[in-house]
Amino acid sequence: MAGTEDLPAYSATDGGPSPGSSPPSYDDMTFTIGSRTVTPPLVSIGQLKSHLRLLGMFALMKHKVENPDSDPQLAESIPLPAKALPPEERWVWFLELAVERYVMVRAEASRMAT
């Protein structure tokens, strides 16, 4: 996972709010999304937490795929040619495999629906 040394540096000149200013009010705003008109908040706190948990799971899975020795069960399931790949390429292999499986499942579901 990325450490703090990998994060970009920000300063007050990056266009953010100036010190001491209050955040903008969105109380009277509406947004059109498709044919629906929505008022803030666009997402709930619960949805935001779920999304962040999902991102955390992806980050953990990426770490495990790039470092298979950290998870013995996963290490057993990775074929030797994939283990020989550099960590970044192993992650790409894993994602491509996931997409291929997703496409196959969708095609099968579509076939069964007709």
N, C-alpha and C. Protein backbone atom coordinates (compact mmCIF):
# COMPACT_ATOMS: atom_id res chain seq x y z
N MET A 1 0.84 -1.18 0.00
CA MET A 1 0.00 0.00 0.00
C MET A 1 0.88 1.24 0.00
N ALA A 2 0.36 2.33 -0.49
CA ALA A 2 1.14 3.55 -0.59
C ALA A 2 1.37 4.15 0.79
N GLY A 3 2.59 4.61 1.01
CA GLY A 3 2.90 5.31 2.24
C GLY A 3 2.69 6.79 2.04
N THR A 4 2.84 7.55 3.11
CA THR A 4 2.64 8.99 3.00
C THR A 4 3.67 9.64 2.09
N GLU A 5 4.83 8.98 1.91
CA GLU A 5 5.83 9.57 1.04
C GLU A 5 5.40 9.55 -0.42
N ASP A 6 4.40 8.71 -0.77
CA ASP A 6 3.90 8.62 -2.14
C ASP A 6 2.79 9.62 -2.43
N LEU A 7 2.30 10.30 -1.41
CA LEU A 7 1.18 11.22 -1.59
C LEU A 7 1.67 12.57 -2.10
N PRO A 8 0.87 13.22 -2.96
CA PRO A 8 1.27 14.54 -3.45
C PRO A 8 1.22 15.58 -2.33
N ALA A 9 2.04 16.59 -2.45
CA ALA A 9 2.05 17.67 -1.48
C ALA A 9 1.01 18.72 -1.89
N TYR A 10 0.30 19.26 -0.92
CA TYR A 10 -0.68 20.30 -1.18
C TYR A 10 -0.31 21.54 -0.40
N SER A 11 -0.73 22.68 -0.92
CA SER A 11 -0.50 23.93 -0.20
C SER A 11 -1.75 24.79 -0.34
N ALA A 12 -1.79 25.91 0.37
CA ALA A 12 -2.94 26.80 0.34
C ALA A 12 -3.13 27.42 -1.04
N THR A 13 -2.13 27.35 -1.90
CA THR A 13 -2.25 27.93 -3.24
C THR A 13 -2.84 26.96 -4.25
N ASP A 14 -3.27 25.78 -3.80
CA ASP A 14 -3.82 24.78 -4.71
C ASP A 14 -5.28 25.02 -5.05
N GLY A 15 -5.84 26.16 -4.68
CA GLY A 15 -7.22 26.48 -5.03
C GLY A 15 -8.24 26.05 -3.99
N GLY A 16 -7.80 25.54 -2.88
CA GLY A 16 -8.71 25.14 -1.81
C GLY A 16 -9.22 26.37 -1.08
N PRO A 17 -10.08 26.17 -0.09
CA PRO A 17 -10.59 27.32 0.67
C PRO A 17 -9.48 28.01 1.44
N SER A 18 -9.61 29.29 1.58
CA SER A 18 -8.60 30.03 2.33
C SER A 18 -8.81 29.78 3.82
N PRO A 19 -7.74 29.87 4.61
CA PRO A 19 -7.87 29.64 6.05
C PRO A 19 -8.91 30.56 6.67
N GLY A 20 -9.74 30.00 7.53
CA GLY A 20 -10.77 30.79 8.22
C GLY A 20 -12.06 30.93 7.44
N SER A 21 -12.10 30.52 6.17
CA SER A 21 -13.34 30.65 5.41
C SER A 21 -14.27 29.49 5.74
N SER A 22 -15.56 29.70 5.56
CA SER A 22 -16.52 28.63 5.82
C SER A 22 -16.81 27.88 4.51
N PRO A 23 -17.21 26.62 4.61
CA PRO A 23 -17.48 25.85 3.40
C PRO A 23 -18.71 26.39 2.68
N PRO A 24 -18.81 26.15 1.38
CA PRO A 24 -19.98 26.65 0.64
C PRO A 24 -21.24 25.93 1.11
N SER A 25 -22.37 26.59 0.98
CA SER A 25 -23.66 26.00 1.37
C SER A 25 -24.32 25.40 0.14
N TYR A 26 -24.76 24.16 0.26
CA TYR A 26 -25.44 23.49 -0.84
C TYR A 26 -26.92 23.28 -0.54
N ASP A 27 -27.43 23.95 0.47
CA ASP A 27 -28.79 23.73 0.92
C ASP A 27 -29.84 24.01 -0.16
N ASP A 28 -29.61 25.02 -0.99
CA ASP A 28 -30.64 25.41 -1.96
C ASP A 28 -30.31 24.91 -3.37
N MET A 29 -29.38 23.98 -3.50
CA MET A 29 -28.99 23.49 -4.82
C MET A 29 -29.76 22.22 -5.16
N THR A 30 -29.95 22.00 -6.45
CA THR A 30 -30.49 20.74 -6.95
C THR A 30 -29.61 20.30 -8.11
N PHE A 31 -29.58 19.00 -8.33
CA PHE A 31 -28.78 18.43 -9.40
C PHE A 31 -29.68 17.57 -10.27
N THR A 32 -29.47 17.62 -11.57
CA THR A 32 -30.21 16.76 -12.47
C THR A 32 -29.30 15.61 -12.87
N ILE A 33 -29.74 14.41 -12.55
CA ILE A 33 -29.00 13.20 -12.89
C ILE A 33 -29.96 12.34 -13.70
N GLY A 34 -29.69 12.25 -14.99
CA GLY A 34 -30.63 11.56 -15.87
C GLY A 34 -31.93 12.33 -15.91
N SER A 35 -33.02 11.67 -15.60
CA SER A 35 -34.32 12.35 -15.61
C SER A 35 -34.75 12.75 -14.20
N ARG A 36 -33.91 12.48 -13.21
CA ARG A 36 -34.26 12.78 -11.81
C ARG A 36 -33.60 14.08 -11.36
N THR A 37 -34.29 14.79 -10.50
CA THR A 37 -33.73 15.97 -9.85
C THR A 37 -33.47 15.59 -8.40
N VAL A 38 -32.24 15.77 -7.98
CA VAL A 38 -31.84 15.36 -6.63
C VAL A 38 -31.32 16.57 -5.87
N THR A 39 -31.54 16.54 -4.57
CA THR A 39 -31.00 17.59 -3.71
C THR A 39 -29.91 16.97 -2.85
N PRO A 40 -28.97 17.77 -2.39
CA PRO A 40 -27.90 17.24 -1.54
C PRO A 40 -28.47 16.63 -0.27
N PRO A 41 -27.84 15.69 0.32
CA PRO A 41 -26.59 15.08 -0.13
C PRO A 41 -26.85 14.06 -1.23
N LEU A 42 -25.92 14.00 -2.18
CA LEU A 42 -26.07 13.05 -3.29
C LEU A 42 -25.84 11.62 -2.83
N VAL A 43 -24.99 11.45 -1.83
CA VAL A 43 -24.75 10.13 -1.24
C VAL A 43 -24.86 10.27 0.27
N SER A 44 -25.25 9.19 0.89
CA SER A 44 -25.37 9.23 2.35
C SER A 44 -24.02 8.87 2.99
N ILE A 45 -23.92 9.13 4.26
CA ILE A 45 -22.70 8.77 5.00
C ILE A 45 -22.48 7.26 4.92
N GLY A 46 -23.54 6.48 5.04
CA GLY A 46 -23.44 5.03 4.95
C GLY A 46 -22.92 4.57 3.60
N GLN A 47 -23.41 5.20 2.51
CA GLN A 47 -22.94 4.85 1.18
C GLN A 47 -21.46 5.21 1.02
N LEU A 48 -21.08 6.34 1.55
CA LEU A 48 -19.68 6.76 1.47
C LEU A 48 -18.79 5.79 2.23
N LYS A 49 -19.21 5.39 3.43
CA LYS A 49 -18.42 4.42 4.21
C LYS A 49 -18.30 3.10 3.47
N SER A 50 -19.40 2.64 2.87
CA SER A 50 -19.37 1.38 2.11
C SER A 50 -18.41 1.47 0.94
N HIS A 51 -18.44 2.59 0.24
CA HIS A 51 -17.54 2.79 -0.90
C HIS A 51 -16.08 2.78 -0.45
N LEU A 52 -15.79 3.44 0.66
CA LEU A 52 -14.42 3.47 1.17
C LEU A 52 -13.97 2.08 1.62
N ARG A 53 -14.89 1.31 2.22
CA ARG A 53 -14.55 -0.07 2.59
C ARG A 53 -14.24 -0.90 1.35
N LEU A 54 -15.03 -0.72 0.29
CA LEU A 54 -14.79 -1.44 -0.96
C LEU A 54 -13.42 -1.08 -1.54
N LEU A 55 -13.10 0.21 -1.55
CA LEU A 55 -11.78 0.63 -2.03
C LEU A 55 -10.67 0.02 -1.17
N GLY A 56 -10.90 -0.05 0.14
CA GLY A 56 -9.92 -0.67 1.03
C GLY A 56 -9.72 -2.15 0.72
N MET A 57 -10.83 -2.83 0.38
CA MET A 57 -10.71 -4.25 0.03
C MET A 57 -9.93 -4.44 -1.27
N PHE A 58 -10.15 -3.54 -2.24
CA PHE A 58 -9.38 -3.61 -3.49
C PHE A 58 -7.89 -3.37 -3.21
N ALA A 59 -7.58 -2.41 -2.35
CA ALA A 59 -6.18 -2.13 -2.02
C ALA A 59 -5.55 -3.34 -1.32
N LEU A 60 -6.30 -3.98 -0.43
CA LEU A 60 -5.78 -5.16 0.26
C LEU A 60 -5.56 -6.31 -0.74
N MET A 61 -6.52 -6.51 -1.64
CA MET A 61 -6.38 -7.57 -2.63
C MET A 61 -5.19 -7.29 -3.55
N LYS A 62 -5.00 -6.04 -3.93
CA LYS A 62 -3.85 -5.69 -4.77
C LYS A 62 -2.55 -6.02 -4.05
N HIS A 63 -2.49 -5.67 -2.77
CA HIS A 63 -1.30 -5.96 -1.98
C HIS A 63 -1.05 -7.47 -1.93
N LYS A 64 -2.10 -8.24 -1.71
CA LYS A 64 -1.95 -9.69 -1.62
C LYS A 64 -1.52 -10.30 -2.95
N VAL A 65 -2.08 -9.81 -4.06
CA VAL A 65 -1.72 -10.35 -5.37
C VAL A 65 -0.28 -9.96 -5.72
N GLU A 66 0.11 -8.74 -5.40
CA GLU A 66 1.47 -8.31 -5.70
C GLU A 66 2.49 -8.98 -4.78
N ASN A 67 2.07 -9.40 -3.58
CA ASN A 67 2.94 -10.07 -2.60
C ASN A 67 2.27 -11.36 -2.15
N PRO A 68 2.20 -12.37 -3.03
CA PRO A 68 1.41 -13.56 -2.71
C PRO A 68 1.91 -14.33 -1.49
N ASP A 69 3.17 -14.17 -1.11
CA ASP A 69 3.68 -14.87 0.06
C ASP A 69 3.05 -14.36 1.36
N SER A 70 2.38 -13.20 1.29
CA SER A 70 1.72 -12.65 2.49
C SER A 70 0.43 -13.40 2.82
N ASP A 71 -0.08 -14.19 1.88
CA ASP A 71 -1.31 -14.95 2.09
C ASP A 71 -1.11 -16.35 1.50
N PRO A 72 -0.78 -17.34 2.33
CA PRO A 72 -0.47 -18.69 1.83
C PRO A 72 -1.60 -19.31 0.99
N GLN A 73 -2.85 -19.07 1.37
CA GLN A 73 -3.96 -19.63 0.61
C GLN A 73 -4.00 -19.04 -0.80
N LEU A 74 -3.81 -17.74 -0.92
CA LEU A 74 -3.78 -17.10 -2.23
C LEU A 74 -2.55 -17.55 -3.01
N ALA A 75 -1.42 -17.68 -2.34
CA ALA A 75 -0.18 -18.09 -3.01
C ALA A 75 -0.34 -19.43 -3.72
N GLU A 76 -1.10 -20.34 -3.10
CA GLU A 76 -1.33 -21.66 -3.71
C GLU A 76 -2.17 -21.57 -4.97
N SER A 77 -3.03 -20.58 -5.06
CA SER A 77 -3.95 -20.49 -6.20
C SER A 77 -3.39 -19.72 -7.39
N ILE A 78 -2.25 -19.06 -7.22
CA ILE A 78 -1.65 -18.32 -8.33
C ILE A 78 -0.75 -19.26 -9.12
N PRO A 79 -1.00 -19.42 -10.44
CA PRO A 79 -0.16 -20.31 -11.23
C PRO A 79 1.29 -19.82 -11.30
N LEU A 80 2.22 -20.75 -11.47
CA LEU A 80 3.65 -20.42 -11.49
C LEU A 80 4.00 -19.34 -12.53
N PRO A 81 3.45 -19.38 -13.76
CA PRO A 81 3.80 -18.31 -14.71
C PRO A 81 3.40 -16.92 -14.20
N ALA A 82 2.27 -16.84 -13.49
CA ALA A 82 1.83 -15.56 -12.94
C ALA A 82 2.71 -15.14 -11.77
N LYS A 83 3.17 -16.11 -10.96
CA LYS A 83 4.06 -15.78 -9.85
C LYS A 83 5.39 -15.23 -10.35
N ALA A 84 5.79 -15.63 -11.56
CA ALA A 84 7.05 -15.17 -12.12
C ALA A 84 6.97 -13.73 -12.63
N LEU A 85 5.77 -13.21 -12.77
CA LEU A 85 5.61 -11.84 -13.26
C LEU A 85 6.03 -10.84 -12.20
N PRO A 86 6.47 -9.64 -12.62
CA PRO A 86 6.70 -8.57 -11.64
C PRO A 86 5.37 -8.23 -10.95
N PRO A 87 5.41 -7.73 -9.71
CA PRO A 87 4.18 -7.48 -8.96
C PRO A 87 3.12 -6.67 -9.72
N GLU A 88 3.51 -5.59 -10.39
CA GLU A 88 2.53 -4.76 -11.10
C GLU A 88 1.87 -5.54 -12.24
N GLU A 89 2.65 -6.35 -12.95
CA GLU A 89 2.08 -7.13 -14.05
C GLU A 89 1.20 -8.26 -13.51
N ARG A 90 1.53 -8.78 -12.34
CA ARG A 90 0.70 -9.81 -11.72
C ARG A 90 -0.67 -9.23 -11.37
N TRP A 91 -0.70 -7.98 -10.91
CA TRP A 91 -1.97 -7.33 -10.58
C TRP A 91 -2.78 -7.14 -11.86
N VAL A 92 -2.14 -6.73 -12.95
CA VAL A 92 -2.83 -6.57 -14.23
C VAL A 92 -3.39 -7.92 -14.69
N TRP A 93 -2.59 -8.97 -14.57
CA TRP A 93 -3.06 -10.32 -14.93
C TRP A 93 -4.31 -10.66 -14.13
N PHE A 94 -4.28 -10.39 -12.83
CA PHE A 94 -5.40 -10.69 -11.95
C PHE A 94 -6.65 -9.93 -12.39
N LEU A 95 -6.51 -8.64 -12.70
CA LEU A 95 -7.65 -7.83 -13.13
C LEU A 95 -8.21 -8.33 -14.46
N GLU A 96 -7.32 -8.68 -15.39
CA GLU A 96 -7.79 -9.18 -16.68
C GLU A 96 -8.54 -10.50 -16.51
N LEU A 97 -8.07 -11.34 -15.61
CA LEU A 97 -8.76 -12.59 -15.32
C LEU A 97 -10.14 -12.31 -14.73
N ALA A 98 -10.23 -11.35 -13.84
CA ALA A 98 -11.52 -10.99 -13.23
C ALA A 98 -12.48 -10.45 -14.29
N VAL A 99 -11.99 -9.61 -15.20
CA VAL A 99 -12.85 -9.06 -16.25
C VAL A 99 -13.33 -10.18 -17.16
N GLU A 100 -12.43 -11.09 -17.52
CA GLU A 100 -12.80 -12.22 -18.38
C GLU A 100 -13.90 -13.06 -17.72
N ARG A 101 -13.77 -13.33 -16.45
CA ARG A 101 -14.79 -14.10 -15.73
C ARG A 101 -16.11 -13.34 -15.66
N TYR A 102 -16.03 -12.04 -15.44
CA TYR A 102 -17.24 -11.21 -15.37
C TYR A 102 -17.98 -11.26 -16.71
N VAL A 103 -17.23 -11.11 -17.80
CA VAL A 103 -17.84 -11.12 -19.14
C VAL A 103 -18.50 -12.48 -19.40
N MET A 104 -17.84 -13.56 -19.00
CA MET A 104 -18.40 -14.90 -19.20
C MET A 104 -19.69 -15.08 -18.40
N VAL A 105 -19.71 -14.61 -17.16
CA VAL A 105 -20.90 -14.73 -16.32
C VAL A 105 -22.04 -13.90 -16.91
N ARG A 106 -21.74 -12.69 -17.35
CA ARG A 106 -22.77 -11.84 -17.95
C ARG A 106 -23.33 -12.47 -19.20
N ALA A 107 -22.46 -13.03 -20.05
CA ALA A 107 -22.91 -13.68 -21.28
C ALA A 107 -23.81 -14.87 -20.95
N GLU A 108 -23.42 -15.66 -19.96
CA GLU A 108 -24.22 -16.82 -19.56
C GLU A 108 -25.57 -16.38 -19.01
N ALA A 109 -25.59 -15.34 -18.18
CA ALA A 109 -26.85 -14.82 -17.63
C ALA A 109 -27.75 -14.29 -18.74
N SER A 110 -27.15 -13.62 -19.71
CA SER A 110 -27.92 -13.08 -20.83
C SER A 110 -28.49 -14.21 -21.67
N ARG A 111 -27.69 -15.26 -21.89
CA ARG A 111 -28.14 -16.41 -22.67
C ARG A 111 -29.30 -17.11 -21.97
N MET A 112 -29.21 -17.22 -20.64
CA MET A 112 -30.25 -17.92 -19.88
C MET A 112 -31.53 -17.10 -19.81
N ALA A 113 -31.42 -15.76 -19.92
CA ALA A 113 -32.58 -14.90 -19.83
C ALA A 113 -33.42 -14.95 -21.12
N THR A 114 -32.81 -15.40 -22.21
CA THR A 114 -33.56 -15.43 -23.47
C THR A 114 -34.14 -16.78 -23.77
